[in-house]
Amino acid sequence: MTQWIYVYRQWLLRELQLRFRSSAVGAGWLVLQPLVHILLFTLVFYKFFQIRWPVGDGSAGEYGLQVFIGLSLYTFVADVINRSPGSIWSYPYLVTKVRFPLALLPAVVVGASGVQLVLSLCIASLFAIWRGLHIQALALPVALFPLCLYALALAWLLGAVGVYLRDIGHLAPSISSLLLFLTPIFYPASMVPKAMQWMVALNPLAWTAEAARGLLMQGRMLDWREWSMHMLAAAALLIFSRWFFARVQPGFADVL
């Protein structure tokens, strides 16, 4: 286990270095990119479309912070969706010539995306402290845990399938873009018609975004019943995806 942790840490550092190796700002983009996005989306949706959040003071800062929390979670999931399909086939020498725990490669994608998520939520927490942070915010890591399990399960599934179906890598950006507008990121969940509220309830990203906003911005307690349901679903999907990965892994070398 210690050896696996060491290997994972080394590959995670390598992944982060590769992402920003040719950039002048380097890892600073982990912070600058979400800030630039939030300024753009606040301008478009708050100023142009006149969207207001049903809670808070209705200011641009209030809207921007609400969107920033949701956008940070979306960026985490979208990054996993976009990068996971190539996480295995991008390293054919590890599959064919070296004994390597291949399941770590999709997990590294999740870890690297998680680093940006943590930094973004730290920024959101600083703004929330300035506005008056609630003690319920301490439950934020617990609220995020099911989404992390969902992301790891998705990474294993996409990484395994991506070896056999390279088209998954081309389809992934379209799926993540669709997810952006089907999830209440730029608009509150209350704007979704009642007949379609089930889409929000079943969407792990939507539920997590609403829970995180409630904890950081409103001091609303976590709904433990809904959290337990997502936790059970995420654990079941994780077990299935790990079994599926192990089931198809022997064929990776033949394809690559």
C-alpha atoms as a PDB file:
ATOM      1  CA  MET A   1       0.000   0.000   0.000  1.00  0.00           C
ATOM      2  CA  THR A   2       2.833   2.402   0.838  1.00  0.00           C
ATOM      3  CA  GLN A   3       4.412   1.718  -2.539  1.00  0.00           C
ATOM      4  CA  TRP A   4       1.125   2.459  -4.311  1.00  0.00           C
ATOM      5  CA  ILE A   5       0.784   5.759  -2.454  1.00  0.00           C
ATOM      6  CA  TYR A   6       4.329   6.717  -3.462  1.00  0.00           C
ATOM      7  CA  VAL A   7       3.712   5.847  -7.121  1.00  0.00           C
ATOM      8  CA  TYR A   8       0.428   7.735  -7.108  1.00  0.00           C
ATOM      9  CA  ARG A   9       2.024  10.825  -5.592  1.00  0.00           C
ATOM     10  CA  GLN A  10       4.816  10.812  -8.171  1.00  0.00           C
ATOM     11  CA  TRP A  11       2.417  10.469 -11.094  1.00  0.00           C
ATOM     12  CA  LEU A  12       0.148  13.136  -9.667  1.00  0.00           C
ATOM     13  CA  LEU A  13       3.053  15.590  -9.464  1.00  0.00           C
ATOM     14  CA  ARG A  14       4.056  14.627 -12.998  1.00  0.00           C
ATOM     15  CA  GLU A  15       0.502  15.216 -14.253  1.00  0.00           C
ATOM     16  CA  LEU A  16       0.357  18.663 -12.673  1.00  0.00           C
ATOM     17  CA  GLN A  17       3.755  19.599 -14.119  1.00  0.00           C
ATOM     18  CA  LEU A  18       2.757  18.459 -17.617  1.00  0.00           C
ATOM     19  CA  ARG A  19      -0.428  20.490 -17.555  1.00  0.00           C
ATOM     20  CA  PHE A  20       1.413  23.766 -16.970  1.00  0.00           C
ATOM     21  CA  ARG A  21       4.908  22.992 -18.291  1.00  0.00           C
ATOM     22  CA  SER A  22       4.714  25.372 -21.281  1.00  0.00           C
ATOM     23  CA  SER A  23       2.815  28.100 -19.466  1.00  0.00           C
ATOM     24  CA  ALA A  24       4.448  31.328 -18.320  1.00  0.00           C
ATOM     25  CA  VAL A  25       2.069  31.579 -15.368  1.00  0.00           C
ATOM     26  CA  GLY A  26       2.435  27.879 -14.575  1.00  0.00           C
ATOM     27  CA  ALA A  27       0.289  26.533 -11.752  1.00  0.00           C
ATOM     28  CA  GLY A  28      -1.100  30.031 -11.296  1.00  0.00           C
ATOM     29  CA  TRP A  29      -3.691  29.101 -13.907  1.00  0.00           C
ATOM     30  CA  LEU A  30      -5.261  26.840 -11.287  1.00  0.00           C
ATOM     31  CA  VAL A  31      -6.441  30.053  -9.652  1.00  0.00           C
ATOM     32  CA  LEU A  32      -6.555  32.519 -12.564  1.00  0.00           C
ATOM     33  CA  GLN A  33      -8.644  30.383 -14.906  1.00  0.00           C
ATOM     34  CA  PRO A  34     -11.710  30.028 -12.644  1.00  0.00           C
ATOM     35  CA  LEU A  35     -11.493  33.713 -11.685  1.00  0.00           C
ATOM     36  CA  VAL A  36     -11.478  34.785 -15.347  1.00  0.00           C
ATOM     37  CA  HIS A  37     -14.420  32.497 -16.067  1.00  0.00           C
ATOM     38  CA  ILE A  38     -16.448  33.826 -13.180  1.00  0.00           C
ATOM     39  CA  LEU A  39     -15.949  37.437 -14.289  1.00  0.00           C
ATOM     40  CA  LEU A  40     -17.084  36.536 -17.805  1.00  0.00           C
ATOM     41  CA  PHE A  41     -20.134  34.552 -16.723  1.00  0.00           C
ATOM     42  CA  THR A  42     -21.175  37.165 -14.169  1.00  0.00           C
ATOM     43  CA  LEU A  43     -21.083  39.800 -16.908  1.00  0.00           C
ATOM     44  CA  VAL A  44     -23.162  37.681 -19.303  1.00  0.00           C
ATOM     45  CA  PHE A  45     -25.738  36.126 -16.983  1.00  0.00           C
ATOM     46  CA  TYR A  46     -26.033  38.830 -14.296  1.00  0.00           C
ATOM     47  CA  LYS A  47     -25.753  41.947 -16.450  1.00  0.00           C
ATOM     48  CA  PHE A  48     -27.090  40.777 -19.814  1.00  0.00           C
ATOM     49  CA  PHE A  49     -29.656  38.110 -18.821  1.00  0.00           C
ATOM     50  CA  GLN A  50     -30.548  39.768 -15.483  1.00  0.00           C
ATOM     51  CA  ILE A  51     -30.470  36.474 -13.564  1.00  0.00           C
ATOM     52  CA  ARG A  52     -30.680  36.892  -9.793  1.00  0.00           C
ATOM     53  CA  TRP A  53     -30.231  34.372  -6.994  1.00  0.00           C
ATOM     54  CA  PRO A  54     -33.329  33.913  -4.804  1.00  0.00           C
ATOM     55  CA  VAL A  55     -31.242  34.298  -1.617  1.00  0.00           C
ATOM     56  CA  GLY A  56     -28.761  36.956  -0.578  1.00  0.00           C
ATOM     57  CA  ASP A  57     -28.635  40.664  -1.335  1.00  0.00           C
ATOM     58  CA  GLY A  58     -29.022  40.356  -5.109  1.00  0.00           C
ATOM     59  CA  SER A  59     -25.669  41.987  -5.805  1.00  0.00           C
ATOM     60  CA  ALA A  60     -23.230  41.034  -8.545  1.00  0.00           C
ATOM     61  CA  GLY A  61     -20.822  39.780  -5.876  1.00  0.00           C
ATOM     62  CA  GLU A  62     -23.493  37.509  -4.433  1.00  0.00           C
ATOM     63  CA  TYR A  63     -24.319  36.108  -7.857  1.00  0.00           C
ATOM     64  CA  GLY A  64     -20.657  35.704  -8.793  1.00  0.00           C
ATOM     65  CA  LEU A  65     -19.846  33.761  -5.630  1.00  0.00           C
ATOM     66  CA  GLN A  66     -22.844  31.456  -6.063  1.00  0.00           C
ATOM     67  CA  VAL A  67     -21.803  30.722  -9.640  1.00  0.00           C
ATOM     68  CA  PHE A  68     -18.144  30.372  -8.682  1.00  0.00           C
ATOM     69  CA  ILE A  69     -18.947  27.563  -6.246  1.00  0.00           C
ATOM     70  CA  GLY A  70     -20.993  25.679  -8.831  1.00  0.00           C
ATOM     71  CA  LEU A  71     -18.485  26.336 -11.601  1.00  0.00           C
ATOM     72  CA  SER A  72     -15.622  24.982  -9.482  1.00  0.00           C
ATOM     73  CA  LEU A  73     -17.488  21.702  -9.013  1.00  0.00           C
ATOM     74  CA  TYR A  74     -18.435  21.544 -12.683  1.00  0.00           C
ATOM     75  CA  THR A  75     -14.837  22.152 -13.784  1.00  0.00           C
ATOM     76  CA  PHE A  76     -13.738  19.239 -11.604  1.00  0.00           C
ATOM     77  CA  VAL A  77     -16.257  16.838 -13.162  1.00  0.00           C
ATOM     78  CA  ALA A  78     -15.743  18.132 -16.713  1.00  0.00           C
ATOM     79  CA  ASP A  79     -11.975  17.756 -16.426  1.00  0.00           C
ATOM     80  CA  VAL A  80     -12.416  14.130 -15.342  1.00  0.00           C
ATOM     81  CA  ILE A  81     -14.803  13.457 -18.236  1.00  0.00           C
ATOM     82  CA  ASN A  82     -12.523  15.072 -20.824  1.00  0.00           C
ATOM     83  CA  ARG A  83      -9.196  13.600 -19.693  1.00  0.00           C
ATOM     84  CA  SER A  84     -10.130  10.117 -18.471  1.00  0.00           C
ATOM     85  CA  PRO A  85     -10.744   8.472 -21.888  1.00  0.00           C
ATOM     86  CA  GLY A  86      -7.075   8.934 -22.795  1.00  0.00           C
ATOM     87  CA  SER A  87      -5.638   8.152 -19.376  1.00  0.00           C
ATOM     88  CA  ILE A  88      -4.700   4.571 -20.343  1.00  0.00           C
ATOM     89  CA  TRP A  89      -4.057   4.551 -24.080  1.00  0.00           C
ATOM     90  CA  SER A  90      -1.809   7.616 -23.785  1.00  0.00           C
ATOM     91  CA  TYR A  91       0.775   5.394 -22.040  1.00  0.00           C
ATOM     92  CA  PRO A  92       0.990   2.224 -24.149  1.00  0.00           C
ATOM     93  CA  TYR A  93       4.477   1.382 -22.845  1.00  0.00           C
ATOM     94  CA  LEU A  94       3.050   1.021 -19.334  1.00  0.00           C
ATOM     95  CA  VAL A  95       0.477  -1.436 -20.639  1.00  0.00           C
ATOM     96  CA  THR A  96       2.662  -3.605 -22.851  1.00  0.00           C
ATOM     97  CA  LYS A  97       6.167  -3.516 -21.367  1.00  0.00           C
ATOM     98  CA  VAL A  98       5.995  -2.600 -17.673  1.00  0.00           C
ATOM     99  CA  ARG A  99       4.170  -4.088 -14.708  1.00  0.00           C
ATOM    100  CA  PHE A 100       2.291  -1.022 -13.540  1.00  0.00           C
ATOM    101  CA  PRO A 101      -0.923  -0.585 -11.507  1.00  0.00           C
ATOM    102  CA  LEU A 102      -2.927   0.833 -14.430  1.00  0.00           C
ATOM    103  CA  ALA A 103      -5.907   1.675 -12.232  1.00  0.00           C
ATOM    104  CA  LEU A 104      -3.795   4.495 -10.784  1.00  0.00           C
ATOM    105  CA  LEU A 105      -3.750   6.397 -14.092  1.00  0.00           C
ATOM    106  CA  PRO A 106      -7.460   7.382 -14.125  1.00  0.00           C
ATOM    107  CA  ALA A 107      -7.182   8.050 -10.385  1.00  0.00           C
ATOM    108  CA  VAL A 108      -4.332  10.499 -11.116  1.00  0.00           C
ATOM    109  CA  VAL A 109      -6.665  12.421 -13.434  1.00  0.00           C
ATOM    110  CA  VAL A 110      -9.162  12.701 -10.585  1.00  0.00           C
ATOM    111  CA  GLY A 111      -6.437  13.787  -8.165  1.00  0.00           C
ATOM    112  CA  ALA A 112      -5.083  16.490 -10.483  1.00  0.00           C
ATOM    113  CA  SER A 113      -8.584  17.827 -11.101  1.00  0.00           C
ATOM    114  CA  GLY A 114      -9.215  17.672  -7.370  1.00  0.00           C
ATOM    115  CA  VAL A 115      -6.239  19.954  -6.692  1.00  0.00           C
ATOM    116  CA  GLN A 116      -7.868  22.704  -8.741  1.00  0.00           C
ATOM    117  CA  LEU A 117     -11.197  22.068  -7.022  1.00  0.00           C
ATOM    118  CA  VAL A 118      -9.622  22.456  -3.577  1.00  0.00           C
ATOM    119  CA  LEU A 119      -7.884  25.695  -4.539  1.00  0.00           C
ATOM    120  CA  SER A 120     -11.063  27.120  -6.071  1.00  0.00           C
ATOM    121  CA  LEU A 121     -13.156  26.261  -3.011  1.00  0.00           C
ATOM    122  CA  CYS A 122     -10.497  27.777  -0.765  1.00  0.00           C
ATOM    123  CA  ILE A 123     -10.922  31.019  -2.716  1.00  0.00           C
ATOM    124  CA  ALA A 124     -14.707  30.733  -2.395  1.00  0.00           C
ATOM    125  CA  SER A 125     -14.348  30.129   1.345  1.00  0.00           C
ATOM    126  CA  LEU A 126     -12.230  33.267   1.734  1.00  0.00           C
ATOM    127  CA  PHE A 127     -14.956  35.354   0.089  1.00  0.00           C
ATOM    128  CA  ALA A 128     -17.558  33.560   2.200  1.00  0.00           C
ATOM    129  CA  ILE A 129     -15.583  34.408   5.359  1.00  0.00           C
ATOM    130  CA  TRP A 130     -15.555  38.041   4.297  1.00  0.00           C
ATOM    131  CA  ARG A 131     -19.348  37.922   3.903  1.00  0.00           C
ATOM    132  CA  GLY A 132     -19.842  35.926   7.102  1.00  0.00           C
ATOM    133  CA  LEU A 133     -18.978  32.233   7.027  1.00  0.00           C
ATOM    134  CA  HIS A 134     -21.336  29.816   8.761  1.00  0.00           C
ATOM    135  CA  ILE A 135     -20.200  27.010  11.055  1.00  0.00           C
ATOM    136  CA  GLN A 136     -22.039  24.549   8.794  1.00  0.00           C
ATOM    137  CA  ALA A 137     -19.307  25.138   6.200  1.00  0.00           C
ATOM    138  CA  LEU A 138     -17.145  22.663   8.125  1.00  0.00           C
ATOM    139  CA  ALA A 139     -19.304  19.905   6.624  1.00  0.00           C
ATOM    140  CA  LEU A 140     -18.229  20.861   3.084  1.00  0.00           C
ATOM    141  CA  PRO A 141     -15.646  18.026   2.690  1.00  0.00           C
ATOM    142  CA  VAL A 142     -18.315  15.540   3.740  1.00  0.00           C
ATOM    143  CA  ALA A 143     -20.738  16.978   1.178  1.00  0.00           C
ATOM    144  CA  LEU A 144     -18.125  16.651  -1.577  1.00  0.00           C
ATOM    145  CA  PHE A 145     -17.178  13.051  -0.804  1.00  0.00           C
ATOM    146  CA  PRO A 146     -19.924  11.333  -2.877  1.00  0.00           C
ATOM    147  CA  LEU A 147     -19.035  13.481  -5.902  1.00  0.00           C
ATOM    148  CA  CYS A 148     -15.384  12.420  -5.592  1.00  0.00           C
ATOM    149  CA  LEU A 149     -16.458   8.774  -5.595  1.00  0.00           C
ATOM    150  CA  TYR A 150     -18.652   9.391  -8.629  1.00  0.00           C
ATOM    151  CA  ALA A 151     -15.690  11.043 -10.381  1.00  0.00           C
ATOM    152  CA  LEU A 152     -13.316   8.154  -9.636  1.00  0.00           C
ATOM    153  CA  ALA A 153     -15.886   5.614 -10.828  1.00  0.00           C
ATOM    154  CA  LEU A 154     -16.421   7.629 -14.010  1.00  0.00           C
ATOM    155  CA  ALA A 155     -12.658   7.891 -14.574  1.00  0.00           C
ATOM    156  CA  TRP A 156     -12.217   4.119 -14.350  1.00  0.00           C
ATOM    157  CA  LEU A 157     -15.111   3.471 -16.717  1.00  0.00           C
ATOM    158  CA  LEU A 158     -14.047   6.059 -19.289  1.00  0.00           C
ATOM    159  CA  GLY A 159     -10.378   5.064 -19.028  1.00  0.00           C
ATOM    160  CA  ALA A 160     -11.183   1.407 -19.692  1.00  0.00           C
ATOM    161  CA  VAL A 161     -13.706   2.035 -22.472  1.00  0.00           C
ATOM    162  CA  GLY A 162     -11.436   4.646 -24.058  1.00  0.00           C
ATOM    163  CA  VAL A 163      -8.830   1.976 -24.804  1.00  0.00           C
ATOM    164  CA  TYR A 164     -11.287   0.146 -27.049  1.00  0.00           C
ATOM    165  CA  LEU A 165     -13.374   3.062 -28.328  1.00  0.00           C
ATOM    166  CA  ARG A 166     -11.195   6.088 -29.099  1.00  0.00           C
ATOM    167  CA  ASP A 167     -14.282   8.016 -30.204  1.00  0.00           C
ATOM    168  CA  ILE A 168     -15.147   8.430 -26.521  1.00  0.00           C
ATOM    169  CA  GLY A 169     -12.375  11.011 -26.271  1.00  0.00           C
ATOM    170  CA  HIS A 170     -13.950  13.097 -29.050  1.00  0.00           C
ATOM    171  CA  LEU A 171     -17.442  12.766 -27.578  1.00  0.00           C
ATOM    172  CA  ALA A 172     -16.438  13.698 -24.019  1.00  0.00           C
ATOM    173  CA  PRO A 173     -16.184  17.512 -24.541  1.00  0.00           C
ATOM    174  CA  SER A 174     -19.705  17.587 -25.992  1.00  0.00           C
ATOM    175  CA  ILE A 175     -21.041  15.654 -23.014  1.00  0.00           C
ATOM    176  CA  SER A 176     -19.322  17.939 -20.514  1.00  0.00           C
ATOM    177  CA  SER A 177     -20.649  21.030 -22.338  1.00  0.00           C
ATOM    178  CA  LEU A 178     -24.175  19.620 -22.208  1.00  0.00           C
ATOM    179  CA  LEU A 179     -23.748  18.947 -18.506  1.00  0.00           C
ATOM    180  CA  LEU A 180     -22.835  22.596 -17.946  1.00  0.00           C
ATOM    181  CA  PHE A 181     -26.239  23.865 -19.079  1.00  0.00           C
ATOM    182  CA  LEU A 182     -28.307  20.996 -17.666  1.00  0.00           C
ATOM    183  CA  THR A 183     -26.893  21.660 -14.192  1.00  0.00           C
ATOM    184  CA  PRO A 184     -27.903  24.739 -12.149  1.00  0.00           C
ATOM    185  CA  ILE A 185     -24.517  26.422 -12.324  1.00  0.00           C
ATOM    186  CA  PHE A 186     -25.406  29.866 -13.720  1.00  0.00           C
ATOM    187  CA  TYR A 187     -28.983  29.764 -12.508  1.00  0.00           C
ATOM    188  CA  PRO A 188     -30.565  28.592  -9.217  1.00  0.00           C
ATOM    189  CA  ALA A 189     -32.260  25.202  -9.066  1.00  0.00           C
ATOM    190  CA  SER A 190     -35.525  26.966  -8.232  1.00  0.00           C
ATOM    191  CA  MET A 191     -35.690  28.192 -11.837  1.00  0.00           C
ATOM    192  CA  VAL A 192     -36.017  24.628 -13.103  1.00  0.00           C
ATOM    193  CA  PRO A 193     -39.690  23.798 -13.846  1.00  0.00           C
ATOM    194  CA  LYS A 194     -41.297  21.523 -11.287  1.00  0.00           C
ATOM    195  CA  ALA A 195     -41.915  18.858 -13.911  1.00  0.00           C
ATOM    196  CA  MET A 196     -38.141  18.661 -14.464  1.00  0.00           C
ATOM    197  CA  GLN A 197     -36.958  18.949 -10.857  1.00  0.00           C
ATOM    198  CA  TRP A 198     -36.198  15.224 -10.896  1.00  0.00           C
ATOM    199  CA  MET A 199     -33.271  15.991 -13.207  1.00  0.00           C
ATOM    200  CA  VAL A 200     -31.719  18.119 -10.479  1.00  0.00           C
ATOM    201  CA  ALA A 201     -32.427  15.555  -7.763  1.00  0.00           C
ATOM    202  CA  LEU A 202     -30.773  12.719  -9.724  1.00  0.00           C
ATOM    203  CA  ASN A 203     -27.813  14.785 -10.940  1.00  0.00           C
ATOM    204  CA  PRO A 204     -24.936  14.294  -8.442  1.00  0.00           C
ATOM    205  CA  LEU A 205     -23.242  17.478  -9.629  1.00  0.00           C
ATOM    206  CA  ALA A 206     -26.425  19.529  -9.201  1.00  0.00           C
ATOM    207  CA  TRP A 207     -27.066  18.143  -5.735  1.00  0.00           C
ATOM    208  CA  THR A 208     -23.470  18.783  -4.643  1.00  0.00           C
ATOM    209  CA  ALA A 209     -23.519  22.331  -6.025  1.00  0.00           C
ATOM    210  CA  GLU A 210     -26.729  23.133  -4.156  1.00  0.00           C
ATOM    211  CA  ALA A 211     -25.406  21.529  -0.970  1.00  0.00           C
ATOM    212  CA  ALA A 212     -22.083  23.411  -1.161  1.00  0.00           C
ATOM    213  CA  ARG A 213     -23.842  26.725  -1.744  1.00  0.00           C
ATOM    214  CA  GLY A 214     -26.159  26.064   1.163  1.00  0.00           C
ATOM    215  CA  LEU A 215     -23.266  25.307   3.489  1.00  0.00           C
ATOM    216  CA  LEU A 216     -21.024  28.207   2.454  1.00  0.00           C
ATOM    217  CA  MET A 217     -23.545  30.927   1.671  1.00  0.00           C
ATOM    218  CA  GLN A 218     -26.662  30.249   3.714  1.00  0.00           C
ATOM    219  CA  GLY A 219     -25.552  28.130   6.666  1.00  0.00           C
ATOM    220  CA  ARG A 220     -28.087  25.497   5.642  1.00  0.00           C
ATOM    221  CA  MET A 221     -27.628  22.076   7.187  1.00  0.00           C
ATOM    222  CA  LEU A 222     -26.712  19.163   4.970  1.00  0.00           C
ATOM    223  CA  ASP A 223     -29.633  16.928   4.026  1.00  0.00           C
ATOM    224  CA  TRP A 224     -28.279  13.649   5.391  1.00  0.00           C
ATOM    225  CA  ARG A 225     -30.995  11.565   3.747  1.00  0.00           C
ATOM    226  CA  GLU A 226     -30.094  12.808   0.260  1.00  0.00           C
ATOM    227  CA  TRP A 227     -26.387  12.600   1.087  1.00  0.00           C
ATOM    228  CA  SER A 228     -26.798   8.952   2.127  1.00  0.00           C
ATOM    229  CA  MET A 229     -28.623   8.131  -1.092  1.00  0.00           C
ATOM    230  CA  HIS A 230     -25.872   9.656  -3.219  1.00  0.00           C
ATOM    231  CA  MET A 231     -23.226   8.002  -1.070  1.00  0.00           C
ATOM    232  CA  LEU A 232     -24.761   4.555  -1.604  1.00  0.00           C
ATOM    233  CA  ALA A 233     -25.179   5.151  -5.336  1.00  0.00           C
ATOM    234  CA  ALA A 234     -21.595   6.417  -5.672  1.00  0.00           C
ATOM    235  CA  ALA A 235     -20.201   3.447  -3.726  1.00  0.00           C
ATOM    236  CA  ALA A 236     -22.165   0.985  -5.869  1.00  0.00           C
ATOM    237  CA  LEU A 237     -20.965   2.658  -9.077  1.00  0.00           C
ATOM    238  CA  LEU A 238     -17.392   2.685  -7.772  1.00  0.00           C
ATOM    239  CA  ILE A 239     -17.468  -1.050  -7.023  1.00  0.00           C
ATOM    240  CA  PHE A 240     -18.927  -1.797 -10.459  1.00  0.00           C
ATOM    241  CA  SER A 241     -16.436   0.412 -12.296  1.00  0.00           C
ATOM    242  CA  ARG A 242     -13.475  -1.142 -10.490  1.00  0.00           C
ATOM    243  CA  TRP A 243     -14.760  -4.624 -11.348  1.00  0.00           C
ATOM    244  CA  PHE A 244     -15.305  -3.585 -14.964  1.00  0.00           C
ATOM    245  CA  PHE A 245     -11.806  -2.096 -15.194  1.00  0.00           C
ATOM    246  CA  ALA A 246     -10.224  -5.287 -13.835  1.00  0.00           C
ATOM    247  CA  ARG A 247     -12.417  -7.371 -16.154  1.00  0.00           C
ATOM    248  CA  VAL A 248     -11.320  -5.658 -19.380  1.00  0.00           C
ATOM    249  CA  GLN A 249      -7.730  -4.808 -18.382  1.00  0.00           C
ATOM    250  CA  PRO A 250      -6.220  -8.091 -19.715  1.00  0.00           C
ATOM    251  CA  GLY A 251      -7.216  -7.009 -23.235  1.00  0.00           C
ATOM    252  CA  PHE A 252      -5.492  -3.605 -23.111  1.00  0.00           C
ATOM    253  CA  ALA A 253      -2.177  -4.978 -24.401  1.00  0.00           C
ATOM    254  CA  ASP A 254      -3.846  -6.594 -27.430  1.00  0.00           C
ATOM    255  CA  VAL A 255      -5.457  -3.332 -28.463  1.00  0.00           C
ATOM    256  CA  LEU A 256      -2.447  -1.089 -27.825  1.00  0.00           C
END
